[in-house]
Amino acid sequence: QVQLVESGGGLVQAGGSLRLSCTASGSDFSIASMRWYRQAPGNLRELVATITAGGATTYADSMKGRFTISRDNAKNTLYLQMSSLKPEDTALYYCNADIWVSRRLTSTWGQGTQVTVHS
């Protein structure tokens, strides 16, 4: 079984930056697309950014120019560099990946890492 573990969340002042990481662990797997989602209290989970295995990226409109998604395939690690953070970016940030195991593609989620932006 493959697990995703996020890290890097925390408390930051508005205008500041944070870098989130998400590392996959397990055996005999490969990763296709990876994504960051976020969910604020009382809100639906929303897609932040996506990166394919080949490195193509897409972003939600409100994150364009402020967030950068990247990955290190050798380390099975996904990143989200967040800058110019706003209080409305406060949320639980989740990593999601499409993972191949034994010829089966499974959508796998991490447990989330909290980001709190104060003004």
PDB file of N, CA and C in Angstrom:
ATOM      1  N   GLN A   1       0.849  -1.188   0.000  1.00  0.00           N
ATOM      2  CA  GLN A   1       0.000   0.000   0.000  1.00  0.00           C
ATOM      3  C   GLN A   1       0.884   1.237   0.000  1.00  0.00           C
ATOM      4  N   VAL A   2       0.499   2.214  -0.805  1.00  0.00           N
ATOM      5  CA  VAL A   2       1.270   3.438  -0.918  1.00  0.00           C
ATOM      6  C   VAL A   2       0.635   4.503  -0.030  1.00  0.00           C
ATOM      7  N   GLN A   3       1.471   5.212   0.689  1.00  0.00           N
ATOM      8  CA  GLN A   3       0.990   6.295   1.548  1.00  0.00           C
ATOM      9  C   GLN A   3       1.572   7.621   1.101  1.00  0.00           C
ATOM     10  N   LEU A   4       0.781   8.678   1.312  1.00  0.00           N
ATOM     11  CA  LEU A   4       1.225  10.046   1.049  1.00  0.00           C
ATOM     12  C   LEU A   4       1.281  10.795   2.366  1.00  0.00           C
ATOM     13  N   VAL A   5       2.386  11.463   2.614  1.00  0.00           N
ATOM     14  CA  VAL A   5       2.539  12.222   3.850  1.00  0.00           C
ATOM     15  C   VAL A   5       2.932  13.650   3.509  1.00  0.00           C
ATOM     16  N   GLU A   6       2.088  14.594   3.952  1.00  0.00           N
ATOM     17  CA  GLU A   6       2.362  16.008   3.716  1.00  0.00           C
ATOM     18  C   GLU A   6       3.142  16.605   4.882  1.00  0.00           C
ATOM     19  N   SER A   7       3.860  17.672   4.595  1.00  0.00           N
ATOM     20  CA  SER A   7       4.565  18.431   5.633  1.00  0.00           C
ATOM     21  C   SER A   7       4.756  19.849   5.143  1.00  0.00           C
ATOM     22  N   GLY A   8       5.160  20.725   6.068  1.00  0.00           N
ATOM     23  CA  GLY A   8       5.492  22.089   5.685  1.00  0.00           C
ATOM     24  C   GLY A   8       4.448  23.135   6.029  1.00  0.00           C
ATOM     25  N   GLY A   9       3.286  22.698   6.509  1.00  0.00           N
ATOM     26  CA  GLY A   9       2.283  23.673   6.893  1.00  0.00           C
ATOM     27  C   GLY A   9       2.697  24.422   8.146  1.00  0.00           C
ATOM     28  N   GLY A  10       1.931  25.455   8.466  1.00  0.00           N
ATOM     29  CA  GLY A  10       2.225  26.220   9.670  1.00  0.00           C
ATOM     30  C   GLY A  10       1.493  27.528   9.689  1.00  0.00           C
ATOM     31  N   LEU A  11       1.917  28.382  10.603  1.00  0.00           N
ATOM     32  CA  LEU A  11       1.335  29.708  10.784  1.00  0.00           C
ATOM     33  C   LEU A  11       2.261  30.733  10.140  1.00  0.00           C
ATOM     34  N   VAL A  12       1.689  31.587   9.300  1.00  0.00           N
ATOM     35  CA  VAL A  12       2.492  32.572   8.586  1.00  0.00           C
ATOM     36  C   VAL A  12       1.719  33.884   8.504  1.00  0.00           C
ATOM     37  N   GLN A  13       2.452  34.962   8.452  1.00  0.00           N
ATOM     38  CA  GLN A  13       1.825  36.272   8.324  1.00  0.00           C
ATOM     39  C   GLN A  13       1.424  36.514   6.870  1.00  0.00           C
ATOM     40  N   ALA A  14       0.369  37.283   6.682  1.00  0.00           N
ATOM     41  CA  ALA A  14      -0.066  37.638   5.335  1.00  0.00           C
ATOM     42  C   ALA A  14       1.103  38.272   4.572  1.00  0.00           C
ATOM     43  N   GLY A  15       1.230  37.849   3.308  1.00  0.00           N
ATOM     44  CA  GLY A  15       2.350  38.293   2.493  1.00  0.00           C
ATOM     45  C   GLY A  15       3.543  37.368   2.531  1.00  0.00           C
ATOM     46  N   GLY A  16       3.518  36.437   3.445  1.00  0.00           N
ATOM     47  CA  GLY A  16       4.626  35.519   3.602  1.00  0.00           C
ATOM     48  C   GLY A  16       4.553  34.333   2.664  1.00  0.00           C
ATOM     49  N   SER A  17       5.473  33.395   2.875  1.00  0.00           N
ATOM     50  CA  SER A  17       5.597  32.226   2.003  1.00  0.00           C
ATOM     51  C   SER A  17       5.698  30.951   2.827  1.00  0.00           C
ATOM     52  N   LEU A  18       5.275  29.866   2.204  1.00  0.00           N
ATOM     53  CA  LEU A  18       5.438  28.533   2.767  1.00  0.00           C
ATOM     54  C   LEU A  18       5.684  27.561   1.633  1.00  0.00           C
ATOM     55  N   ARG A  19       6.385  26.476   1.943  1.00  0.00           N
ATOM     56  CA  ARG A  19       6.579  25.416   0.972  1.00  0.00           C
ATOM     57  C   ARG A  19       6.068  24.107   1.549  1.00  0.00           C
ATOM     58  N   LEU A  20       5.071  23.542   0.885  1.00  0.00           N
ATOM     59  CA  LEU A  20       4.524  22.266   1.305  1.00  0.00           C
ATOM     60  C   LEU A  20       5.209  21.135   0.540  1.00  0.00           C
ATOM     61  N   SER A  21       5.326  20.000   1.204  1.00  0.00           N
ATOM     62  CA  SER A  21       5.878  18.806   0.574  1.00  0.00           C
ATOM     63  C   SER A  21       4.931  17.639   0.788  1.00  0.00           C
ATOM     64  N   CYS A  22       4.987  16.685  -0.120  1.00  0.00           N
ATOM     65  CA  CYS A  22       4.184  15.470  -0.013  1.00  0.00           C
ATOM     66  C   CYS A  22       5.019  14.333  -0.574  1.00  0.00           C
ATOM     67  N   THR A  23       5.312  13.354   0.268  1.00  0.00           N
ATOM     68  CA  THR A  23       6.161  12.253  -0.151  1.00  0.00           C
ATOM     69  C   THR A  23       5.386  10.943  -0.148  1.00  0.00           C
ATOM     70  N   ALA A  24       5.534  10.205  -1.236  1.00  0.00           N
ATOM     71  CA  ALA A  24       4.897   8.895  -1.356  1.00  0.00           C
ATOM     72  C   ALA A  24       5.867   7.813  -0.909  1.00  0.00           C
ATOM     73  N   SER A  25       5.354   6.858  -0.157  1.00  0.00           N
ATOM     74  CA  SER A  25       6.176   5.738   0.290  1.00  0.00           C
ATOM     75  C   SER A  25       5.427   4.442   0.099  1.00  0.00           C
ATOM     76  N   GLY A  26       6.166   3.377  -0.170  1.00  0.00           N
ATOM     77  CA  GLY A  26       5.587   2.066  -0.399  1.00  0.00           C
ATOM     78  C   GLY A  26       6.540   1.276  -1.257  1.00  0.00           C
ATOM     79  N   SER A  27       6.018   0.292  -1.946  1.00  0.00           N
ATOM     80  CA  SER A  27       6.870  -0.519  -2.818  1.00  0.00           C
ATOM     81  C   SER A  27       6.164  -0.797  -4.135  1.00  0.00           C
ATOM     82  N   ASP A  28       6.976  -0.901  -5.187  1.00  0.00           N
ATOM     83  CA  ASP A  28       6.495  -1.302  -6.522  1.00  0.00           C
ATOM     84  C   ASP A  28       5.339  -0.433  -6.993  1.00  0.00           C
ATOM     85  N   PHE A  29       5.569   0.859  -7.051  1.00  0.00           N
ATOM     86  CA  PHE A  29       4.532   1.747  -7.524  1.00  0.00           C
ATOM     87  C   PHE A  29       5.137   2.790  -8.460  1.00  0.00           C
ATOM     88  N   SER A  30       4.265   3.418  -9.222  1.00  0.00           N
ATOM     89  CA  SER A  30       4.660   4.574 -10.009  1.00  0.00           C
ATOM     90  C   SER A  30       3.530   5.591  -9.934  1.00  0.00           C
ATOM     91  N   ILE A  31       3.887   6.848 -10.106  1.00  0.00           N
ATOM     92  CA  ILE A  31       2.935   7.928  -9.899  1.00  0.00           C
ATOM     93  C   ILE A  31       2.646   8.633 -11.207  1.00  0.00           C
ATOM     94  N   ALA A  32       1.386   8.821 -11.495  1.00  0.00           N
ATOM     95  CA  ALA A  32       0.983   9.592 -12.665  1.00  0.00           C
ATOM     96  C   ALA A  32       0.800  11.051 -12.223  1.00  0.00           C
ATOM     97  N   SER A  33      -0.379  11.596 -12.382  1.00  0.00           N
ATOM     98  CA  SER A  33      -0.620  12.995 -12.001  1.00  0.00           C
ATOM     99  C   SER A  33      -0.678  13.150 -10.485  1.00  0.00           C
ATOM    100  N   MET A  34      -0.259  14.322 -10.039  1.00  0.00           N
ATOM    101  CA  MET A  34      -0.324  14.659  -8.619  1.00  0.00           C
ATOM    102  C   MET A  34      -1.002  16.012  -8.485  1.00  0.00           C
ATOM    103  N   ARG A  35      -1.652  16.221  -7.351  1.00  0.00           N
ATOM    104  CA  ARG A  35      -2.449  17.446  -7.158  1.00  0.00           C
ATOM    105  C   ARG A  35      -2.354  17.925  -5.717  1.00  0.00           C
ATOM    106  N   TRP A  36      -2.584  19.199  -5.552  1.00  0.00           N
ATOM    107  CA  TRP A  36      -2.839  19.789  -4.240  1.00  0.00           C
ATOM    108  C   TRP A  36      -4.282  20.261  -4.218  1.00  0.00           C
ATOM    109  N   TYR A  37      -4.960  19.931  -3.144  1.00  0.00           N
ATOM    110  CA  TYR A  37      -6.298  20.429  -2.854  1.00  0.00           C
ATOM    111  C   TYR A  37      -6.230  21.184  -1.530  1.00  0.00           C
ATOM    112  N   ARG A  38      -7.264  21.962  -1.263  1.00  0.00           N
ATOM    113  CA  ARG A  38      -7.378  22.585   0.047  1.00  0.00           C
ATOM    114  C   ARG A  38      -8.841  22.650   0.452  1.00  0.00           C
ATOM    115  N   GLN A  39      -9.042  22.689   1.758  1.00  0.00           N
ATOM    116  CA  GLN A  39     -10.396  22.783   2.298  1.00  0.00           C
ATOM    117  C   GLN A  39     -10.391  23.665   3.529  1.00  0.00           C
ATOM    118  N   ALA A  40     -11.122  24.764   3.438  1.00  0.00           N
ATOM    119  CA  ALA A  40     -11.285  25.660   4.576  1.00  0.00           C
ATOM    120  C   ALA A  40     -12.536  25.252   5.345  1.00  0.00           C
ATOM    121  N   PRO A  41     -12.612  25.577   6.620  1.00  0.00           N
ATOM    122  CA  PRO A  41     -13.782  25.214   7.412  1.00  0.00           C
ATOM    123  C   PRO A  41     -15.071  25.727   6.774  1.00  0.00           C
ATOM    124  N   GLY A  42     -16.043  24.831   6.623  1.00  0.00           N
ATOM    125  CA  GLY A  42     -17.326  25.216   6.061  1.00  0.00           C
ATOM    126  C   GLY A  42     -17.357  25.259   4.543  1.00  0.00           C
ATOM    127  N   ASN A  43     -16.218  25.001   3.926  1.00  0.00           N
ATOM    128  CA  ASN A  43     -16.155  25.054   2.457  1.00  0.00           C
ATOM    129  C   ASN A  43     -15.928  23.665   1.868  1.00  0.00           C
ATOM    130  N   LEU A  44     -16.234  23.542   0.590  1.00  0.00           N
ATOM    131  CA  LEU A  44     -15.926  22.312  -0.130  1.00  0.00           C
ATOM    132  C   LEU A  44     -14.426  22.245  -0.414  1.00  0.00           C
ATOM    133  N   ARG A  45     -13.943  21.021  -0.586  1.00  0.00           N
ATOM    134  CA  ARG A  45     -12.550  20.855  -0.975  1.00  0.00           C
ATOM    135  C   ARG A  45     -12.371  21.390  -2.394  1.00  0.00           C
ATOM    136  N   GLU A  46     -11.335  22.184  -2.625  1.00  0.00           N
ATOM    137  CA  GLU A  46     -11.110  22.754  -3.942  1.00  0.00           C
ATOM    138  C   GLU A  46      -9.727  22.387  -4.469  1.00  0.00           C
ATOM    139  N   LEU A  47      -9.657  22.247  -5.789  1.00  0.00           N
ATOM    140  CA  LEU A  47      -8.399  21.917  -6.446  1.00  0.00           C
ATOM    141  C   LEU A  47      -7.524  23.166  -6.522  1.00  0.00           C
ATOM    142  N   VAL A  48      -6.290  23.027  -6.084  1.00  0.00           N
ATOM    143  CA  VAL A  48      -5.344  24.138  -6.103  1.00  0.00           C
ATOM    144  C   VAL A  48      -4.496  24.089  -7.377  1.00  0.00           C
ATOM    145  N   ALA A  49      -3.882  22.930  -7.621  1.00  0.00           N
ATOM    146  CA  ALA A  49      -2.968  22.808  -8.759  1.00  0.00           C
ATOM    147  C   ALA A  49      -2.750  21.344  -9.081  1.00  0.00           C
ATOM    148  N   THR A  50      -2.400  21.090 -10.343  1.00  0.00           N
ATOM    149  CA  THR A  50      -2.137  19.741 -10.836  1.00  0.00           C
ATOM    150  C   THR A  50      -0.820  19.725 -11.585  1.00  0.00           C
ATOM    151  N   ILE A  51      -0.097  18.624 -11.466  1.00  0.00           N
ATOM    152  CA  ILE A  51       1.111  18.417 -12.263  1.00  0.00           C
ATOM    153  C   ILE A  51       1.104  16.985 -12.776  1.00  0.00           C
ATOM    154  N   THR A  52       1.340  16.833 -14.085  1.00  0.00           N
ATOM    155  CA  THR A  52       1.366  15.501 -14.677  1.00  0.00           C
ATOM    156  C   THR A  52       2.731  14.856 -14.454  1.00  0.00           C
ATOM    157  N   ALA A  53       2.833  13.591 -14.831  1.00  0.00           N
ATOM    158  CA  ALA A  53       4.109  12.899 -14.700  1.00  0.00           C
ATOM    159  C   ALA A  53       5.187  13.567 -15.544  1.00  0.00           C
ATOM    160  N   GLY A  54       4.775  14.180 -16.629  1.00  0.00           N
ATOM    161  CA  GLY A  54       5.720  14.856 -17.497  1.00  0.00           C
ATOM    162  C   GLY A  54       6.032  16.278 -17.099  1.00  0.00           C
ATOM    163  N   GLY A  55       5.338  16.776 -16.074  1.00  0.00           N
ATOM    164  CA  GLY A  55       5.639  18.105 -15.559  1.00  0.00           C
ATOM    165  C   GLY A  55       4.724  19.223 -16.023  1.00  0.00           C
ATOM    166  N   ALA A  56       3.686  18.903 -16.782  1.00  0.00           N
ATOM    167  CA  ALA A  56       2.736  19.937 -17.189  1.00  0.00           C
ATOM    168  C   ALA A  56       1.897  20.350 -15.983  1.00  0.00           C
ATOM    169  N   THR A  57       1.661  21.656 -15.840  1.00  0.00           N
ATOM    170  CA  THR A  57       0.980  22.176 -14.651  1.00  0.00           C
ATOM    171  C   THR A  57      -0.257  22.978 -15.013  1.00  0.00           C
ATOM    172  N   THR A  58      -1.236  22.943 -14.127  1.00  0.00           N
ATOM    173  CA  THR A  58      -2.408  23.800 -14.210  1.00  0.00           C
ATOM    174  C   THR A  58      -2.720  24.298 -12.806  1.00  0.00           C
ATOM    175  N   TYR A  59      -3.361  25.467 -12.742  1.00  0.00           N
ATOM    176  CA  TYR A  59      -3.661  26.112 -11.465  1.00  0.00           C
ATOM    177  C   TYR A  59      -5.078  26.631 -11.443  1.00  0.00           C
ATOM    178  N   ALA A  60      -5.642  26.690 -10.243  1.00  0.00           N
ATOM    179  CA  ALA A  60      -6.880  27.428 -10.050  1.00  0.00           C
ATOM    180  C   ALA A  60      -6.568  28.908 -10.267  1.00  0.00           C
ATOM    181  N   ASP A  61      -7.544  29.634 -10.784  1.00  0.00           N
ATOM    182  CA  ASP A  61      -7.307  31.026 -11.157  1.00  0.00           C
ATOM    183  C   ASP A  61      -6.790  31.854  -9.977  1.00  0.00           C
ATOM    184  N   SER A  62      -7.327  31.639  -8.798  1.00  0.00           N
ATOM    185  CA  SER A  62      -6.953  32.469  -7.653  1.00  0.00           C
ATOM    186  C   SER A  62      -5.538  32.202  -7.154  1.00  0.00           C
ATOM    187  N   MET A  63      -4.907  31.127  -7.615  1.00  0.00           N
ATOM    188  CA  MET A  63      -3.563  30.778  -7.195  1.00  0.00           C
ATOM    189  C   MET A  63      -2.503  31.110  -8.251  1.00  0.00           C
ATOM    190  N   LYS A  64      -2.944  31.401  -9.443  1.00  0.00           N
ATOM    191  CA  LYS A  64      -1.976  31.671 -10.511  1.00  0.00           C
ATOM    192  C   LYS A  64      -1.090  32.855 -10.156  1.00  0.00           C
ATOM    193  N   GLY A  65       0.203  32.663 -10.354  1.00  0.00           N
ATOM    194  CA  GLY A  65       1.154  33.723 -10.071  1.00  0.00           C
ATOM    195  C   GLY A  65       1.616  33.766  -8.636  1.00  0.00           C
ATOM    196  N   ARG A  66       0.914  33.081  -7.730  1.00  0.00           N
ATOM    197  CA  ARG A  66       1.310  33.073  -6.321  1.00  0.00           C
ATOM    198  C   ARG A  66       1.811  31.700  -5.879  1.00  0.00           C
ATOM    199  N   PHE A  67       1.245  30.638  -6.447  1.00  0.00           N
ATOM    200  CA  PHE A  67       1.603  29.266  -6.073  1.00  0.00           C
ATOM    201  C   PHE A  67       2.325  28.597  -7.232  1.00  0.00           C
ATOM    202  N   THR A  68       3.283  27.746  -6.892  1.00  0.00           N
ATOM    203  CA  THR A  68       3.992  26.965  -7.897  1.00  0.00           C
ATOM    204  C   THR A  68       4.038  25.500  -7.469  1.00  0.00           C
ATOM    205  N   ILE A  69       3.506  24.635  -8.313  1.00  0.00           N
ATOM    206  CA  ILE A  69       3.534  23.199  -8.048  1.00  0.00           C
ATOM    207  C   ILE A  69       4.715  22.596  -8.795  1.00  0.00           C
ATOM    208  N   SER A  70       5.391  21.667  -8.149  1.00  0.00           N
ATOM    209  CA  SER A  70       6.519  20.984  -8.782  1.00  0.00           C
ATOM    210  C   SER A  70       6.648  19.592  -8.176  1.00  0.00           C
ATOM    211  N   ARG A  71       7.476  18.775  -8.778  1.00  0.00           N
ATOM    212  CA  ARG A  71       7.668  17.418  -8.269  1.00  0.00           C
ATOM    213  C   ARG A  71       9.079  16.954  -8.551  1.00  0.00           C
ATOM    214  N   ASP A  72       9.545  16.054  -7.699  1.00  0.00           N
ATOM    215  CA  ASP A  72      10.829  15.391  -7.878  1.00  0.00           C
ATOM    216  C   ASP A  72      10.524  13.902  -8.008  1.00  0.00           C
ATOM    217  N   ASN A  73      10.509  13.422  -9.225  1.00  0.00           N
ATOM    218  CA  ASN A  73      10.113  12.032  -9.455  1.00  0.00           C
ATOM    219  C   ASN A  73      11.089  11.038  -8.814  1.00  0.00           C
ATOM    220  N   ALA A  74      12.352  11.400  -8.740  1.00  0.00           N
ATOM    221  CA  ALA A  74      13.335  10.503  -8.126  1.00  0.00           C
ATOM    222  C   ALA A  74      13.072  10.322  -6.629  1.00  0.00           C
ATOM    223  N   LYS A  75      12.478  11.339  -6.018  1.00  0.00           N
ATOM    224  CA  LYS A  75      12.198  11.292  -4.581  1.00  0.00           C
ATOM    225  C   LYS A  75      10.729  10.998  -4.297  1.00  0.00           C
ATOM    226  N   ASN A  76       9.930  10.814  -5.360  1.00  0.00           N
ATOM    227  CA  ASN A  76       8.480  10.593  -5.186  1.00  0.00           C
ATOM    228  C   ASN A  76       7.861  11.684  -4.328  1.00  0.00           C
ATOM    229  N   THR A  77       8.258  12.902  -4.573  1.00  0.00           N
ATOM    230  CA  THR A  77       7.838  14.022  -3.742  1.00  0.00           C
ATOM    231  C   THR A  77       7.212  15.126  -4.575  1.00  0.00           C
ATOM    232  N   LEU A  78       6.125  15.653  -4.058  1.00  0.00           N
ATOM    233  CA  LEU A  78       5.391  16.768  -4.645  1.00  0.00           C
ATOM    234  C   LEU A  78       5.598  17.990  -3.772  1.00  0.00           C
ATOM    235  N   TYR A  79       5.669  19.152  -4.401  1.00  0.00           N
ATOM    236  CA  TYR A  79       5.861  20.403  -3.666  1.00  0.00           C
ATOM    237  C   TYR A  79       4.796  21.415  -4.064  1.00  0.00           C
ATOM    238  N   LEU A  80       4.548  22.345  -3.148  1.00  0.00           N
ATOM    239  CA  LEU A  80       3.744  23.518  -3.449  1.00  0.00           C
ATOM    240  C   LEU A  80       4.417  24.717  -2.791  1.00  0.00           C
ATOM    241  N   GLN A  81       4.993  25.566  -3.614  1.00  0.00           N
ATOM    242  CA  GLN A  81       5.589  26.811  -3.117  1.00  0.00           C
ATOM    243  C   GLN A  81       4.508  27.875  -3.145  1.00  0.00           C
ATOM    244  N   MET A  82       4.199  28.428  -1.980  1.00  0.00           N
ATOM    245  CA  MET A  82       3.150  29.424  -1.856  1.00  0.00           C
ATOM    246  C   MET A  82       3.757  30.741  -1.434  1.00  0.00           C
ATOM    247  N   SER A  83       3.438  31.801  -2.146  1.00  0.00           N
ATOM    248  CA  SER A  83       3.944  33.117  -1.800  1.00  0.00           C
ATOM    249  C   SER A  83       2.796  34.119  -1.807  1.00  0.00           C
ATOM    250  N   SER A  84       3.079  35.309  -1.300  1.00  0.00           N
ATOM    251  CA  SER A  84       2.044  36.354  -1.195  1.00  0.00           C
ATOM    252  C   SER A  84       0.776  35.796  -0.567  1.00  0.00           C
ATOM    253  N   LEU A  85       0.948  35.075   0.511  1.00  0.00           N
ATOM    254  CA  LEU A  85      -0.189  34.401   1.142  1.00  0.00           C
ATOM    255  C   LEU A  85      -1.177  35.401   1.726  1.00  0.00           C
ATOM    256  N   LYS A  86      -2.447  35.017   1.663  1.00  0.00           N
ATOM    257  CA  LYS A  86      -3.552  35.842   2.143  1.00  0.00           C
ATOM    258  C   LYS A  86      -4.304  35.075   3.224  1.00  0.00           C
ATOM    259  N   PRO A  87      -4.992  35.788   4.089  1.00  0.00           N
ATOM    260  CA  PRO A  87      -5.778  35.079   5.112  1.00  0.00           C
ATOM    261  C   PRO A  87      -6.763  34.075   4.507  1.00  0.00           C
ATOM    262  N   GLU A  88      -7.283  34.369   3.331  1.00  0.00           N
ATOM    263  CA  GLU A  88      -8.228  33.448   2.694  1.00  0.00           C
ATOM    264  C   GLU A  88      -7.555  32.177   2.162  1.00  0.00           C
ATOM    265  N   ASP A  89      -6.240  32.108   2.207  1.00  0.00           N
ATOM    266  CA  ASP A  89      -5.530  30.874   1.859  1.00  0.00           C
ATOM    267  C   ASP A  89      -5.496  29.893   3.032  1.00  0.00           C
ATOM    268  N   THR A  90      -5.977  30.331   4.178  1.00  0.00           N
ATOM    269  CA  THR A  90      -6.017  29.455   5.345  1.00  0.00           C
ATOM    270  C   THR A  90      -6.903  28.253   5.067  1.00  0.00           C
ATOM    271  N   ALA A  91      -6.341  27.066   5.226  1.00  0.00           N
ATOM    272  CA  ALA A  91      -7.069  25.838   4.914  1.00  0.00           C
ATOM    273  C   ALA A  91      -6.210  24.638   5.284  1.00  0.00           C
ATOM    274  N   LEU A  92      -6.830  23.477   5.240  1.00  0.00           N
ATOM    275  CA  LEU A  92      -6.100  22.210   5.322  1.00  0.00           C
ATOM    276  C   LEU A  92      -5.746  21.823   3.891  1.00  0.00           C
ATOM    277  N   TYR A  93      -4.459  21.641   3.630  1.00  0.00           N
ATOM    278  CA  TYR A  93      -3.983  21.350   2.281  1.00  0.00           C
ATOM    279  C   TYR A  93      -3.697  19.853   2.157  1.00  0.00           C
ATOM    280  N   TYR A  94      -4.275  19.249   1.121  1.00  0.00           N
ATOM    281  CA  TYR A  94      -4.154  17.824   0.899  1.00  0.00           C
ATOM    282  C   TYR A  94      -3.382  17.541  -0.387  1.00  0.00           C
ATOM    283  N   CYS A  95      -2.600  16.502  -0.328  1.00  0.00           N
ATOM    284  CA  CYS A  95      -1.927  15.964  -1.500  1.00  0.00           C
ATOM    285  C   CYS A  95      -2.768  14.806  -2.048  1.00  0.00           C
ATOM    286  N   ASN A  96      -2.849  14.731  -3.366  1.00  0.00           N
ATOM    287  CA  ASN A  96      -3.573  13.645  -4.027  1.00  0.00           C
ATOM    288  C   ASN A  96      -2.739  13.154  -5.205  1.00  0.00           C
ATOM    289  N   ALA A  97      -2.703  11.852  -5.409  1.00  0.00           N
ATOM    290  CA  ALA A  97      -1.911  11.309  -6.512  1.00  0.00           C
ATOM    291  C   ALA A  97      -2.608  10.110  -7.135  1.00  0.00           C
ATOM    292  N   ASP A  98      -2.446   9.983  -8.435  1.00  0.00           N
ATOM    293  CA  ASP A  98      -2.905   8.801  -9.161  1.00  0.00           C
ATOM    294  C   ASP A  98      -1.724   7.840  -9.214  1.00  0.00           C
ATOM    295  N   ILE A  99      -1.872   6.708  -8.525  1.00  0.00           N
ATOM    296  CA  ILE A  99      -0.739   5.818  -8.321  1.00  0.00           C
ATOM    297  C   ILE A  99      -1.005   4.456  -8.946  1.00  0.00           C
ATOM    298  N   TRP A 100      -0.041   3.980  -9.708  1.00  0.00           N
ATOM    299  CA  TRP A 100      -0.105   2.653 -10.312  1.00  0.00           C
ATOM    300  C   TRP A 100       0.526   1.636  -9.362  1.00  0.00           C
ATOM    301  N   VAL A 101      -0.272   0.623  -9.015  1.00  0.00           N
ATOM    302  CA  VAL A 101       0.224  -0.505  -8.238  1.00  0.00           C
ATOM    303  C   VAL A 101      -0.376  -1.765  -8.849  1.00  0.00           C
ATOM    304  N   SER A 102       0.466  -2.674  -9.260  1.00  0.00           N
ATOM    305  CA  SER A 102      -0.006  -3.938  -9.844  1.00  0.00           C
ATOM    306  C   SER A 102      -1.012  -3.694 -10.959  1.00  0.00           C
ATOM    307  N   ARG A 103      -0.676  -2.776 -11.841  1.00  0.00           N
ATOM    308  CA  ARG A 103      -1.500  -2.460 -13.012  1.00  0.00           C
ATOM    309  C   ARG A 103      -2.839  -1.858 -12.656  1.00  0.00           C
ATOM    310  N   ARG A 104      -3.013  -1.421 -11.440  1.00  0.00           N
ATOM    311  CA  ARG A 104      -4.238  -0.729 -11.035  1.00  0.00           C
ATOM    312  C   ARG A 104      -3.916   0.716 -10.705  1.00  0.00           C
ATOM    313  N   LEU A 105      -4.758   1.608 -11.187  1.00  0.00           N
ATOM    314  CA  LEU A 105      -4.583   3.022 -10.909  1.00  0.00           C
ATOM    315  C   LEU A 105      -5.519   3.429  -9.786  1.00  0.00           C
ATOM    316  N   THR A 106      -4.957   3.963  -8.730  1.00  0.00           N
ATOM    317  CA  THR A 106      -5.729   4.310  -7.538  1.00  0.00           C
ATOM    318  C   THR A 106      -5.486   5.760  -7.178  1.00  0.00           C
ATOM    319  N   SER A 107      -6.561   6.455  -6.827  1.00  0.00           N
ATOM    320  CA  SER A 107      -6.434   7.826  -6.339  1.00  0.00           C
ATOM    321  C   SER A 107      -6.159   7.778  -4.842  1.00  0.00           C
ATOM    322  N   THR A 108      -5.026   8.299  -4.450  1.00  0.00           N
ATOM    323  CA  THR A 108      -4.573   8.221  -3.059  1.00  0.00           C
ATOM    324  C   THR A 108      -4.465   9.609  -2.449  1.00  0.00           C
ATOM    325  N   TRP A 109      -4.873   9.723  -1.183  1.00  0.00           N
ATOM    326  CA  TRP A 109      -4.870  11.010  -0.481  1.00  0.00           C
ATOM    327  C   TRP A 109      -3.949  10.975   0.731  1.00  0.00           C
ATOM    328  N   GLY A 110      -3.345  12.116   1.000  1.00  0.00           N
ATOM    329  CA  GLY A 110      -2.647  12.286   2.258  1.00  0.00           C
ATOM    330  C   GLY A 110      -3.598  12.741   3.335  1.00  0.00           C
ATOM    331  N   GLN A 111      -3.054  12.923   4.551  1.00  0.00           N
ATOM    332  CA  GLN A 111      -3.882  13.311   5.685  1.00  0.00           C
ATOM    333  C   GLN A 111      -4.078  14.812   5.792  1.00  0.00           C
ATOM    334  N   GLY A 112      -3.273  15.570   5.094  1.00  0.00           N
ATOM    335  CA  GLY A 112      -3.419  17.013   5.106  1.00  0.00           C
ATOM    336  C   GLY A 112      -2.419  17.705   6.018  1.00  0.00           C
ATOM    337  N   THR A 113      -2.111  18.940   5.669  1.00  0.00           N
ATOM    338  CA  THR A 113      -1.256  19.786   6.503  1.00  0.00           C
ATOM    339  C   THR A 113      -1.913  21.166   6.593  1.00  0.00           C
ATOM    340  N   GLN A 114      -1.974  21.696   7.801  1.00  0.00           N
ATOM    341  CA  GLN A 114      -2.702  22.938   8.038  1.00  0.00           C
ATOM    342  C   GLN A 114      -1.848  24.157   7.693  1.00  0.00           C
ATOM    343  N   VAL A 115      -2.445  25.057   6.950  1.00  0.00           N
ATOM    344  CA  VAL A 115      -1.834  26.352   6.657  1.00  0.00           C
ATOM    345  C   VAL A 115      -2.737  27.433   7.227  1.00  0.00           C
ATOM    346  N   THR A 116      -2.185  28.279   8.075  1.00  0.00           N
ATOM    347  CA  THR A 116      -2.936  29.377   8.676  1.00  0.00           C
ATOM    348  C   THR A 116      -2.206  30.679   8.386  1.00  0.00           C
ATOM    349  N   VAL A 117      -2.928  31.590   7.745  1.00  0.00           N
ATOM    350  CA  VAL A 117      -2.360  32.884   7.384  1.00  0.00           C
ATOM    351  C   VAL A 117      -3.063  33.955   8.201  1.00  0.00           C
ATOM    352  N   HIS A 118      -2.310  34.694   9.004  1.00  0.00           N
ATOM    353  CA  HIS A 118      -2.919  35.742   9.834  1.00  0.00           C
ATOM    354  C   HIS A 118      -2.522  37.109   9.292  1.00  0.00           C
ATOM    355  N   SER A 119      -3.442  38.033   9.490  1.00  0.00           N
ATOM    356  CA  SER A 119      -3.220  39.402   8.970  1.00  0.00           C
ATOM    357  C   SER A 119      -2.492  40.259   9.977  1.00  0.00           C
TER     358      SER A 119
END
